[in-house]
Amino acid sequence: MAEAPIREIVIIGGGTAGWMAAATLARFVGPAARVTLVESDEIGTVGVGEATIPQIQLFNAGLGLDEDDFVRATNATFKLGIEFVGWHRPDARYIHAFGAVGRGLGLIPFHHYWLRHAQTNQPMPAVDLWQYSACAQAAAHNRFSRPNDQPGRLPSGINYAFHFDAAMYAAYLRSYAERAGITRIEGKVASVALRSEDGFIEAAVLADGRRITGDLFIDCSGFRGLLIEQALEAGYDDWSHLLPCDRALAVPCESVQPLTPYTRSTARDAGWQWRIPLQHRIGNGHVYCSAFTSDDAACETLLANLDGKPLADPRPLRFTTGKRRRIWVKNCVALGLAAGFMEPLESTSIHLVQAGLARLLQLFPTRGFADADITEYNRQTDFEWTAIRDFLVLHYHANDRPGAFWRQCREMPIPDSLSARIDLFRANGRLFREHEELFAEVGWLQVLLGQGVMPNGHHPLADQLTPQELAEFMTLTKRHVDHVVGGMPDHAQFIAAHCASRLADRVLA
């Protein structure tokens, strides 16, 4: 006999995670289940997740959002990648660009031909790789346009994400969700009632005594984890021995020109600083390790390195990098900060909410809550979080910077999975994507090279081209990139023509 379907879904907490969940459930679960979101205006949200990765396009498209309208409503800009300044050495910089880098030929990816070309044309710095990336070259020239790929023609190699105001995005999704029938309840959760027979959540009890009952609960309550941790004791995997930064400061500042189509991450003495350009302001922050610098010194570093006048006082954030040991427990799934936290070095925070929702829809339960479904959800989630963790650790570990903090990062033991990947790449430039991990080979390639990990060899099949054929292939590949980028307008001009917000009129003029 089929189990009874889910009829009541309760989301605890708003912010980006809560309203992403509400909008998703409104769109895909629809009238089959009633969805209620509980949040309190008295409780602020962290709201630093303003940079995204290209998968956000899929999320927005799945909701049926008009992209220009979304960009306009959230003061968004376009993002072609993340520039890393000073991460390998103080004088070095590179970009983790989205989209393609070159194009494969035969059975092997482009970078093996580039490696052969580089290894036989010494000296050639690793930075030369990015002349074969349309996104990297467009970012370098502050240009942007959406790809206009057509059948029978070489693809542009362009892919993109967004920078947006996280509070405005949450408000935009709230409007979407409420139009679709989501009920919002203003209130603060005072306690959680568990069923005596099985320990499942029966109701969230608000401070005024109201009981919000449900079949399935989504915990978006932030670091507190009101349901997943305080009520259900999911446990927490602490990764601070691998990612030692434990504090951050966030502050907006006035905009400056040009309007850059990329995020910037700049290494500092005890951490790093982000720069996220929006249409109406620039979002900035300093992620740092409190064991190597004081809060006052970190604040001074942040404010001394802004492009424009600060628009508010720096807002502090304390965290322990890691994740809940189980992100789905009984009838509760955690999203956002309630699930865990990894610093926004590669802009993965919003994606992890998106991925958690996609996984929930794939394994959407009945009121029987099959243990096998919950186990599979947690297995897939563990794999994704761990793979992202390793990618972030690479940035810290492969460095040649001075200073005690960076020396500790360079010398710290790293996971065997990451060590094996570095060794494989260092030998002959080989990269393999494990299952459906978030970052594909082209992402690992750029960060490995950017952090100074150079292969000793390349795939032997790349030697099948004659030197003349190889030179011609590399020339044609670069010519295609130059053609694509040459036809793109200035980033600010593109926004002004298609999706400028009212708040950006002065900035984009």
Protein backbone atom coordinates (compact mmCIF):
# COMPACT_ATOMS: atom_id res chain seq x y z
CA MET A 1 0.00 0.00 0.00
CA ALA A 2 1.31 3.44 -0.94
CA GLU A 3 2.28 5.73 1.90
CA ALA A 4 0.24 8.88 2.51
CA PRO A 5 1.58 11.90 0.61
CA ILE A 6 3.07 15.00 2.20
CA ARG A 7 0.32 17.59 2.71
CA GLU A 8 1.92 20.20 4.99
CA ILE A 9 5.43 21.64 4.53
CA VAL A 10 6.82 24.15 7.03
CA ILE A 11 9.89 26.28 6.34
CA ILE A 12 11.50 27.81 9.42
CA GLY A 13 13.42 30.96 8.52
CA GLY A 14 13.40 33.32 5.57
CA GLY A 15 16.41 34.98 3.96
CA THR A 16 17.83 33.68 0.72
CA ALA A 17 17.64 29.99 1.70
CA GLY A 18 14.08 30.15 3.04
CA TRP A 19 12.62 31.99 0.08
CA MET A 20 14.53 29.87 -2.43
CA ALA A 21 12.90 26.86 -0.76
CA ALA A 22 9.47 28.50 -0.76
CA ALA A 23 9.69 29.48 -4.43
CA THR A 24 10.92 26.02 -5.44
CA LEU A 25 8.21 24.17 -3.54
CA ALA A 26 5.55 26.54 -4.88
CA ARG A 27 6.70 25.84 -8.43
CA PHE A 28 7.25 22.09 -8.29
CA VAL A 29 5.09 20.76 -5.45
CA GLY A 30 2.34 23.26 -6.05
CA PRO A 31 -1.17 22.64 -4.76
CA ALA A 32 -0.39 19.06 -3.74
CA ALA A 33 0.98 20.34 -0.43
CA ARG A 34 0.42 23.52 1.53
CA VAL A 35 3.64 25.41 2.24
CA THR A 36 4.05 27.76 5.20
CA LEU A 37 7.12 29.87 5.91
CA VAL A 38 7.75 31.19 9.42
CA GLU A 39 10.15 34.07 9.91
CA SER A 40 10.64 36.93 12.31
CA ASP A 41 11.44 40.47 11.29
CA GLU A 42 13.34 40.77 14.59
CA ILE A 43 15.93 38.22 13.45
CA GLY A 44 18.37 39.51 10.84
CA THR A 45 19.85 37.42 8.06
CA VAL A 46 23.54 37.05 7.26
CA GLY A 47 23.01 38.05 3.64
CA VAL A 48 26.61 38.05 2.40
CA GLY A 49 25.98 35.54 -0.39
CA GLU A 50 25.94 38.02 -3.26
CA ALA A 51 28.06 36.13 -5.78
CA THR A 52 26.91 33.02 -7.61
CA ILE A 53 28.08 30.41 -10.12
CA PRO A 54 26.47 29.59 -13.49
CA GLN A 55 24.13 26.93 -12.09
CA ILE A 56 21.95 29.77 -10.75
CA GLN A 57 20.75 30.21 -14.33
CA LEU A 58 19.13 26.77 -14.11
CA PHE A 59 17.42 27.64 -10.84
CA ASN A 60 15.99 30.90 -12.15
CA ALA A 61 14.94 29.30 -15.44
CA GLY A 62 13.26 26.47 -13.56
CA LEU A 63 11.11 29.04 -11.77
CA GLY A 64 10.35 30.70 -15.10
CA LEU A 65 11.94 34.02 -14.09
CA ASP A 66 12.61 36.63 -16.74
CA GLU A 67 16.35 37.25 -16.52
CA ASP A 68 16.31 40.96 -17.30
CA ASP A 69 13.55 41.51 -14.76
CA PHE A 70 15.46 39.54 -12.13
CA VAL A 71 18.69 41.48 -12.80
CA ARG A 72 16.83 44.78 -12.63
CA ALA A 73 14.99 43.91 -9.42
CA THR A 74 18.09 42.74 -7.55
CA ASN A 75 20.56 45.40 -8.77
CA ALA A 76 22.51 42.53 -10.28
CA THR A 77 25.54 42.52 -12.53
CA PHE A 78 26.98 39.71 -14.60
CA LYS A 79 29.85 37.52 -13.52
CA LEU A 80 32.33 35.74 -15.81
CA GLY A 81 34.56 34.31 -13.11
CA ILE A 82 36.58 35.00 -9.96
CA GLU A 83 39.91 36.81 -10.06
CA PHE A 84 42.42 35.66 -7.43
CA VAL A 85 44.99 38.30 -6.50
CA GLY A 86 48.09 37.37 -4.52
CA TRP A 87 47.00 33.84 -3.72
CA HIS A 88 50.00 31.98 -5.16
CA ARG A 89 52.50 34.75 -4.51
CA PRO A 90 51.93 38.37 -3.48
CA ASP A 91 52.64 39.57 -7.03
CA ALA A 92 50.61 36.93 -8.88
CA ARG A 93 47.03 36.90 -10.12
CA TYR A 94 44.81 34.63 -12.17
CA ILE A 95 41.14 34.11 -12.88
CA HIS A 96 38.93 31.08 -12.42
CA ALA A 97 36.87 31.85 -15.50
CA PHE A 98 33.55 30.26 -16.34
CA GLY A 99 32.88 28.65 -19.70
CA ALA A 100 35.37 26.87 -21.91
CA VAL A 101 39.14 27.16 -22.02
CA GLY A 102 40.09 26.33 -25.59
CA ARG A 103 38.38 23.38 -27.24
CA GLY A 104 39.18 19.71 -27.20
CA LEU A 105 40.65 17.92 -30.19
CA GLY A 106 40.21 14.21 -30.71
CA LEU A 107 40.04 12.26 -27.47
CA ILE A 108 41.82 14.67 -25.15
CA PRO A 109 41.02 18.10 -23.70
CA PHE A 110 42.59 21.32 -24.88
CA HIS A 111 44.93 21.84 -21.96
CA HIS A 112 47.13 18.90 -22.99
CA TYR A 113 47.83 20.60 -26.32
CA TRP A 114 48.50 23.82 -24.43
CA LEU A 115 50.87 21.96 -22.09
CA ARG A 116 52.80 20.51 -25.02
CA HIS A 117 52.93 23.94 -26.62
CA ALA A 118 54.08 25.52 -23.32
CA GLN A 119 56.62 22.81 -22.56
CA THR A 120 58.23 23.09 -26.01
CA ASN A 121 58.19 26.89 -26.15
CA GLN A 122 59.89 27.83 -22.89
CA PRO A 123 59.64 30.14 -21.14
CA MET A 124 55.85 30.42 -21.18
CA PRO A 125 54.06 31.50 -17.99
CA ALA A 126 50.93 29.67 -16.86
CA VAL A 127 48.95 32.91 -17.26
CA ASP A 128 49.17 32.34 -21.02
CA LEU A 129 46.44 29.70 -20.69
CA TRP A 130 43.75 32.34 -20.21
CA GLN A 131 44.21 33.88 -23.67
CA TYR A 132 42.24 30.83 -24.85
CA SER A 133 39.25 31.59 -22.59
CA ALA A 134 36.57 33.95 -23.89
CA CYS A 135 35.27 34.59 -20.37
CA ALA A 136 38.76 35.42 -19.07
CA GLN A 137 39.45 37.81 -21.95
CA ALA A 138 36.03 39.45 -21.71
CA ALA A 139 36.55 39.93 -17.97
CA ALA A 140 39.97 41.46 -18.57
CA HIS A 141 38.40 44.01 -20.93
CA ASN A 142 35.22 44.56 -18.82
CA ARG A 143 32.97 43.27 -21.58
CA PHE A 144 29.85 41.18 -21.46
CA SER A 145 27.08 39.76 -23.60
CA ARG A 146 25.02 36.62 -23.40
CA PRO A 147 26.18 33.78 -25.66
CA ASN A 148 24.55 33.64 -29.09
CA ASP A 149 25.54 30.13 -30.06
CA GLN A 150 24.12 28.82 -33.32
CA PRO A 151 24.07 25.33 -34.88
CA GLY A 152 26.94 24.70 -37.24
CA ARG A 153 29.18 27.38 -35.72
CA LEU A 154 31.84 27.13 -33.04
CA PRO A 155 30.36 27.76 -29.59
CA SER A 156 31.35 31.03 -27.97
CA GLY A 157 32.65 29.37 -24.81
CA ILE A 158 30.78 31.98 -22.73
CA ASN A 159 29.03 31.09 -19.50
CA TYR A 160 28.05 33.42 -16.70
CA ALA A 161 26.54 33.90 -13.28
CA PHE A 162 25.43 36.96 -11.32
CA HIS A 163 26.30 39.30 -8.50
CA PHE A 164 23.13 40.47 -6.77
CA ASP A 165 21.83 42.02 -3.59
CA ALA A 166 20.96 38.98 -1.46
CA ALA A 167 18.21 40.81 0.47
CA MET A 168 16.62 41.97 -2.78
CA TYR A 169 16.82 38.45 -4.21
CA ALA A 170 15.07 37.06 -1.13
CA ALA A 171 12.37 39.75 -1.49
CA TYR A 172 12.01 38.96 -5.19
CA LEU A 173 11.53 35.25 -4.47
CA ARG A 174 9.17 36.06 -1.60
CA SER A 175 6.92 37.97 -4.00
CA TYR A 176 7.06 35.03 -6.42
CA ALA A 177 6.25 32.50 -3.71
CA GLU A 178 3.41 34.49 -2.17
CA ARG A 179 1.80 34.98 -5.58
CA ALA A 180 1.96 31.21 -5.95
CA GLY A 181 0.08 30.67 -2.69
CA ILE A 182 2.81 30.33 -0.06
CA THR A 183 1.68 31.46 3.41
CA ARG A 184 4.09 33.57 5.45
CA ILE A 185 3.71 33.70 9.25
CA GLU A 186 5.47 36.38 11.25
CA GLY A 187 6.79 34.92 14.48
CA LYS A 188 9.76 33.68 16.45
CA VAL A 189 10.20 29.98 17.20
CA ALA A 190 10.41 29.42 20.95
CA SER A 191 10.54 25.61 21.02
CA VAL A 192 10.12 22.50 18.90
CA ALA A 193 7.65 19.76 19.81
CA LEU A 194 8.69 16.19 18.98
CA ARG A 195 6.39 13.20 18.61
CA SER A 196 6.85 10.88 21.57
CA GLU A 197 6.58 7.69 19.53
CA ASP A 198 9.35 8.31 16.98
CA GLY A 199 11.05 11.64 17.72
CA PHE A 200 9.82 13.27 14.52
CA ILE A 201 9.02 16.99 14.59
CA GLU A 202 5.35 17.54 15.34
CA ALA A 203 5.24 21.34 15.50
CA ALA A 204 7.23 24.52 15.78
CA VAL A 205 5.93 26.44 18.78
CA LEU A 206 6.09 30.22 18.44
CA ALA A 207 6.76 32.70 21.22
CA ASP A 208 3.08 33.67 21.34
CA GLY A 209 2.03 30.04 21.81
CA ARG A 210 0.93 29.24 18.25
CA ARG A 211 1.77 25.72 17.08
CA ILE A 212 2.77 25.34 13.43
CA THR A 213 2.30 21.70 12.55
CA GLY A 214 3.56 19.95 9.43
CA ASP A 215 4.59 16.70 7.77
CA LEU A 216 7.92 17.92 6.39
CA PHE A 217 10.04 20.68 7.96
CA ILE A 218 12.75 22.70 6.19
CA ASP A 219 15.25 24.27 8.58
CA CYS A 220 16.51 27.62 7.23
CA SER A 221 17.11 29.10 10.68
CA GLY A 222 20.78 29.90 10.08
CA PHE A 223 23.75 28.92 12.22
CA ARG A 224 21.45 28.15 15.17
CA GLY A 225 19.93 25.14 13.42
CA LEU A 226 16.79 25.37 15.56
CA LEU A 227 15.33 22.16 14.18
CA ILE A 228 18.20 20.12 12.74
CA GLU A 229 20.60 20.62 15.64
CA GLN A 230 18.85 21.99 18.71
CA ALA A 231 15.87 19.64 18.38
CA LEU A 232 17.18 16.67 16.39
CA GLU A 233 20.89 16.74 17.35
CA ALA A 234 22.25 16.03 13.87
CA GLY A 235 25.87 16.62 14.94
CA TYR A 236 28.49 18.75 13.20
CA ASP A 237 31.62 17.89 11.22
CA ASP A 238 34.21 20.56 12.07
CA TRP A 239 36.54 21.30 9.11
CA SER A 240 38.44 24.19 10.66
CA HIS A 241 41.67 22.15 10.65
CA LEU A 242 41.50 22.33 6.83
CA LEU A 243 39.88 25.74 6.39
CA PRO A 244 41.08 27.73 9.42
CA CYS A 245 39.36 31.08 8.77
CA ASP A 246 36.66 31.56 11.40
CA ARG A 247 35.50 35.18 11.12
CA ALA A 248 34.39 37.67 8.51
CA LEU A 249 33.51 41.34 8.21
CA ALA A 250 31.17 42.62 5.49
CA VAL A 251 30.69 46.21 4.33
CA PRO A 252 29.26 47.89 1.21
CA CYS A 253 30.95 50.85 -0.43
CA GLU A 254 30.21 53.32 -3.19
CA SER A 255 30.56 52.16 -6.78
CA VAL A 256 33.47 53.08 -9.01
CA GLN A 257 34.15 52.67 -12.70
CA PRO A 258 34.64 50.45 -14.55
CA LEU A 259 31.85 48.05 -13.67
CA THR A 260 33.79 44.81 -13.63
CA PRO A 261 32.08 41.54 -14.68
CA TYR A 262 33.85 39.34 -12.15
CA THR A 263 34.30 38.77 -8.43
CA ARG A 264 37.71 39.54 -6.95
CA SER A 265 39.37 37.68 -4.10
CA THR A 266 42.54 39.27 -2.74
CA ALA A 267 44.81 37.40 -0.32
CA ARG A 268 45.62 39.23 2.91
CA ASP A 269 48.05 38.42 5.72
CA ALA A 270 45.58 36.23 7.63
CA GLY A 271 42.86 35.50 5.09
CA TRP A 272 41.35 37.19 2.07
CA GLN A 273 39.09 40.01 0.94
CA TRP A 274 36.16 39.81 -1.46
CA ARG A 275 34.93 42.46 -3.89
CA ILE A 276 31.51 42.02 -5.53
CA PRO A 277 30.33 44.81 -7.86
CA LEU A 278 26.57 45.44 -8.00
CA GLN A 279 24.78 48.05 -10.07
CA HIS A 280 24.37 50.46 -7.16
CA ARG A 281 27.26 49.61 -4.83
CA ILE A 282 30.18 47.25 -4.23
CA GLY A 283 29.94 44.46 -1.68
CA ASN A 284 33.16 43.88 0.27
CA GLY A 285 34.28 41.57 3.01
CA HIS A 286 37.30 40.21 4.81
CA VAL A 287 37.43 36.52 5.76
CA TYR A 288 40.18 35.87 8.29
CA CYS A 289 41.61 33.58 10.94
CA SER A 290 41.34 35.05 14.44
CA ALA A 291 44.42 33.09 15.57
CA PHE A 292 46.59 35.24 13.27
CA THR A 293 45.00 38.68 13.43
CA SER A 294 42.73 40.70 15.68
CA ASP A 295 39.23 41.88 14.83
CA ASP A 296 40.41 45.50 14.88
CA ALA A 297 43.33 44.78 12.56
CA ALA A 298 41.06 42.86 10.18
CA CYS A 299 38.62 45.76 10.13
CA GLU A 300 41.43 48.19 9.44
CA THR A 301 42.66 46.04 6.56
CA LEU A 302 39.18 45.86 5.05
CA LEU A 303 38.44 49.58 5.26
CA ALA A 304 41.88 50.51 3.95
CA ASN A 305 41.30 48.51 0.78
CA LEU A 306 37.89 49.70 -0.40
CA ASP A 307 37.43 51.31 -3.81
CA GLY A 308 34.88 53.83 -2.58
CA LYS A 309 33.44 55.41 0.55
CA PRO A 310 31.95 52.83 2.97
CA LEU A 311 28.16 52.96 3.14
CA ALA A 312 27.79 51.30 6.55
CA ASP A 313 29.79 50.00 9.47
CA PRO A 314 31.45 46.60 8.92
CA ARG A 315 29.16 43.76 10.04
CA PRO A 316 30.87 40.89 11.91
CA LEU A 317 30.27 37.18 11.35
CA ARG A 318 31.71 34.27 13.30
CA PHE A 319 31.61 30.70 12.02
CA THR A 320 33.11 27.24 12.25
CA THR A 321 33.67 25.78 8.80
CA GLY A 322 31.94 22.45 8.35
CA LYS A 323 28.55 20.81 7.93
CA ARG A 324 25.88 18.95 9.84
CA ARG A 325 26.78 15.30 10.15
CA ARG A 326 23.30 14.53 8.81
CA ILE A 327 21.53 17.22 6.83
CA TRP A 328 18.28 15.24 6.59
CA VAL A 329 17.13 13.81 9.93
CA LYS A 330 13.70 12.19 10.34
CA ASN A 331 11.21 14.68 8.82
CA CYS A 332 13.58 17.66 8.69
CA VAL A 333 15.94 18.86 5.94
CA ALA A 334 18.41 21.69 6.61
CA LEU A 335 19.35 24.30 4.01
CA GLY A 336 21.71 27.26 3.98
CA LEU A 337 23.61 28.07 7.15
CA ALA A 338 21.49 25.58 9.09
CA ALA A 339 23.14 22.85 6.98
CA GLY A 340 26.69 24.15 7.36
CA PHE A 341 29.09 26.81 6.21
CA MET A 342 32.04 27.03 3.86
CA GLU A 343 33.51 30.44 3.23
CA PRO A 344 32.38 32.06 -0.04
CA LEU A 345 35.77 31.71 -1.74
CA GLU A 346 34.23 30.07 -4.82
CA SER A 347 30.71 31.49 -4.39
CA THR A 348 29.15 28.14 -3.49
CA SER A 349 26.79 29.14 -0.66
CA ILE A 350 23.70 29.83 -2.77
CA HIS A 351 24.48 26.88 -5.02
CA LEU A 352 24.43 24.50 -2.04
CA VAL A 353 20.90 25.69 -1.23
CA GLN A 354 19.92 25.14 -4.86
CA ALA A 355 21.52 21.68 -4.91
CA GLY A 356 19.87 20.71 -1.63
CA LEU A 357 16.46 21.64 -3.03
CA ALA A 358 17.06 19.76 -6.28
CA ARG A 359 18.09 16.69 -4.30
CA LEU A 360 15.00 17.00 -2.08
CA LEU A 361 12.73 17.07 -5.14
CA GLN A 362 14.46 13.99 -6.56
CA LEU A 363 13.98 12.13 -3.27
CA PHE A 364 10.75 13.81 -2.23
CA PRO A 365 9.25 11.74 0.58
CA THR A 366 5.88 10.44 1.58
CA ARG A 367 4.81 10.62 5.19
CA GLY A 368 6.52 7.25 5.62
CA PHE A 369 9.95 8.90 5.22
CA ALA A 370 11.82 5.85 3.92
CA ASP A 371 15.19 5.42 5.59
CA ALA A 372 16.75 4.52 2.23
CA ASP A 373 15.74 7.87 0.74
CA ILE A 374 17.13 9.81 3.69
CA THR A 375 20.37 7.82 3.62
CA GLU A 376 20.82 8.47 -0.09
CA TYR A 377 20.13 12.19 0.33
CA ASN A 378 22.77 12.43 3.04
CA ARG A 379 25.26 10.35 1.03
CA GLN A 380 24.97 12.58 -2.03
CA THR A 381 25.12 15.70 0.11
CA ASP A 382 28.23 14.50 1.95
CA PHE A 383 29.96 13.84 -1.37
CA GLU A 384 29.13 17.28 -2.77
CA TRP A 385 30.17 19.20 0.33
CA THR A 386 33.41 17.21 0.68
CA ALA A 387 34.37 17.76 -2.97
CA ILE A 388 33.80 21.51 -2.62
CA ARG A 389 35.79 21.51 0.63
CA ASP A 390 38.76 19.91 -1.15
CA PHE A 391 38.57 22.51 -3.93
CA LEU A 392 38.68 25.33 -1.38
CA VAL A 393 41.56 23.71 0.51
CA LEU A 394 43.58 23.66 -2.72
CA HIS A 395 43.58 27.46 -2.83
CA TYR A 396 45.09 27.67 0.65
CA HIS A 397 47.47 24.73 0.49
CA ALA A 398 49.18 25.45 -2.85
CA ASN A 399 50.66 28.83 -1.99
CA ASP A 400 54.10 30.42 -1.90
CA ARG A 401 53.18 33.44 0.21
CA PRO A 402 55.15 34.73 3.20
CA GLY A 403 53.71 34.89 6.71
CA ALA A 404 52.75 32.52 9.51
CA PHE A 405 49.14 32.00 8.38
CA TRP A 406 50.06 31.03 4.85
CA ARG A 407 52.94 28.85 6.03
CA GLN A 408 50.52 26.91 8.23
CA CYS A 409 48.13 26.47 5.28
CA ARG A 410 50.99 25.30 3.06
CA GLU A 411 52.25 22.78 5.61
CA MET A 412 48.95 21.45 6.95
CA PRO A 413 48.00 17.82 6.22
CA ILE A 414 45.41 17.71 3.44
CA PRO A 415 42.80 15.05 2.59
CA ASP A 416 44.13 12.02 0.71
CA SER A 417 41.57 12.71 -2.03
CA LEU A 418 43.06 16.15 -2.69
CA SER A 419 46.65 14.96 -2.42
CA ALA A 420 46.01 12.25 -5.02
CA ARG A 421 44.42 14.75 -7.39
CA ILE A 422 47.38 17.14 -7.12
CA ASP A 423 49.86 14.30 -7.68
CA LEU A 424 47.98 13.07 -10.74
CA PHE A 425 47.89 16.55 -12.27
CA ARG A 426 51.52 17.28 -11.44
CA ALA A 427 52.65 14.11 -13.21
CA ASN A 428 51.08 14.55 -16.65
CA GLY A 429 48.28 17.10 -16.35
CA ARG A 430 45.51 14.56 -15.97
CA LEU A 431 42.19 15.63 -14.46
CA PHE A 432 39.04 13.61 -13.88
CA ARG A 433 35.65 14.68 -12.60
CA GLU A 434 34.37 12.38 -9.89
CA HIS A 435 30.70 11.45 -10.37
CA GLU A 436 28.69 14.69 -10.39
CA GLU A 437 30.98 16.87 -8.29
CA LEU A 438 30.34 20.57 -8.72
CA PHE A 439 33.65 21.75 -10.14
CA ALA A 440 34.58 20.16 -13.44
CA GLU A 441 38.04 19.61 -14.91
CA VAL A 442 38.30 23.13 -16.33
CA GLY A 443 37.82 24.65 -12.88
CA TRP A 444 40.46 22.45 -11.25
CA LEU A 445 42.79 23.18 -14.18
CA GLN A 446 42.67 26.94 -13.68
CA VAL A 447 43.10 26.87 -9.91
CA LEU A 448 45.91 24.30 -10.00
CA LEU A 449 47.85 26.32 -12.58
CA GLY A 450 46.98 29.61 -10.93
CA GLN A 451 48.27 28.33 -7.60
CA GLY A 452 51.56 27.29 -9.20
CA VAL A 453 51.02 23.54 -9.63
CA MET A 454 52.61 22.86 -13.05
CA PRO A 455 52.55 19.40 -14.66
CA ASN A 456 55.79 17.68 -15.59
CA GLY A 457 54.30 16.23 -18.75
CA HIS A 458 51.19 15.98 -20.91
CA HIS A 459 49.02 13.33 -22.54
CA PRO A 460 51.10 11.52 -25.18
CA LEU A 461 48.28 11.70 -27.73
CA ALA A 462 48.88 15.45 -27.92
CA ASP A 463 52.16 14.60 -29.65
CA GLN A 464 50.32 13.28 -32.69
CA LEU A 465 50.11 16.79 -34.14
CA THR A 466 53.12 18.07 -36.00
CA PRO A 467 54.66 21.27 -34.61
CA GLN A 468 53.11 23.17 -37.50
CA GLU A 469 49.67 21.64 -36.88
CA LEU A 470 49.91 22.40 -33.19
CA ALA A 471 50.89 26.02 -33.81
CA GLU A 472 48.00 26.41 -36.25
CA PHE A 473 45.52 24.85 -33.81
CA MET A 474 46.61 27.18 -31.02
CA THR A 475 46.46 30.22 -33.31
CA LEU A 476 42.97 29.39 -34.57
CA THR A 477 41.74 28.78 -31.02
CA LYS A 478 42.99 32.17 -29.87
CA ARG A 479 41.61 33.85 -32.97
CA HIS A 480 38.16 32.47 -32.17
CA VAL A 481 38.35 33.84 -28.62
CA ASP A 482 39.43 37.24 -29.92
CA HIS A 483 36.52 37.24 -32.38
CA VAL A 484 33.99 36.41 -29.65
CA VAL A 485 35.28 39.03 -27.24
CA GLY A 486 35.70 41.66 -29.96
CA GLY A 487 31.96 41.57 -30.62
CA MET A 488 30.96 42.12 -26.99
CA PRO A 489 29.91 45.51 -25.57
CA ASP A 490 31.14 47.06 -22.35
CA HIS A 491 29.59 45.41 -19.29
CA ALA A 492 28.00 48.63 -18.00
CA GLN A 493 26.68 49.45 -21.48
CA PHE A 494 25.07 46.03 -21.76
CA ILE A 495 23.29 46.48 -18.43
CA ALA A 496 22.22 50.02 -19.28
CA ALA A 497 20.70 48.77 -22.54
CA HIS A 498 18.90 45.73 -21.15
CA CYS A 499 18.40 45.57 -17.39
CA ALA A 500 19.47 48.67 -15.45
CA SER A 501 17.80 49.25 -12.10
CA ARG A 502 16.56 52.61 -10.91
CA LEU A 503 19.23 52.73 -8.23
CA ALA A 504 21.96 52.31 -10.85
CA ASP A 505 21.00 55.22 -13.11
CA ARG A 506 23.77 57.46 -11.73
CA VAL A 507 26.40 54.71 -11.63
CA LEU A 508 25.86 53.49 -15.19
CA ALA A 509 25.44 56.92 -16.75
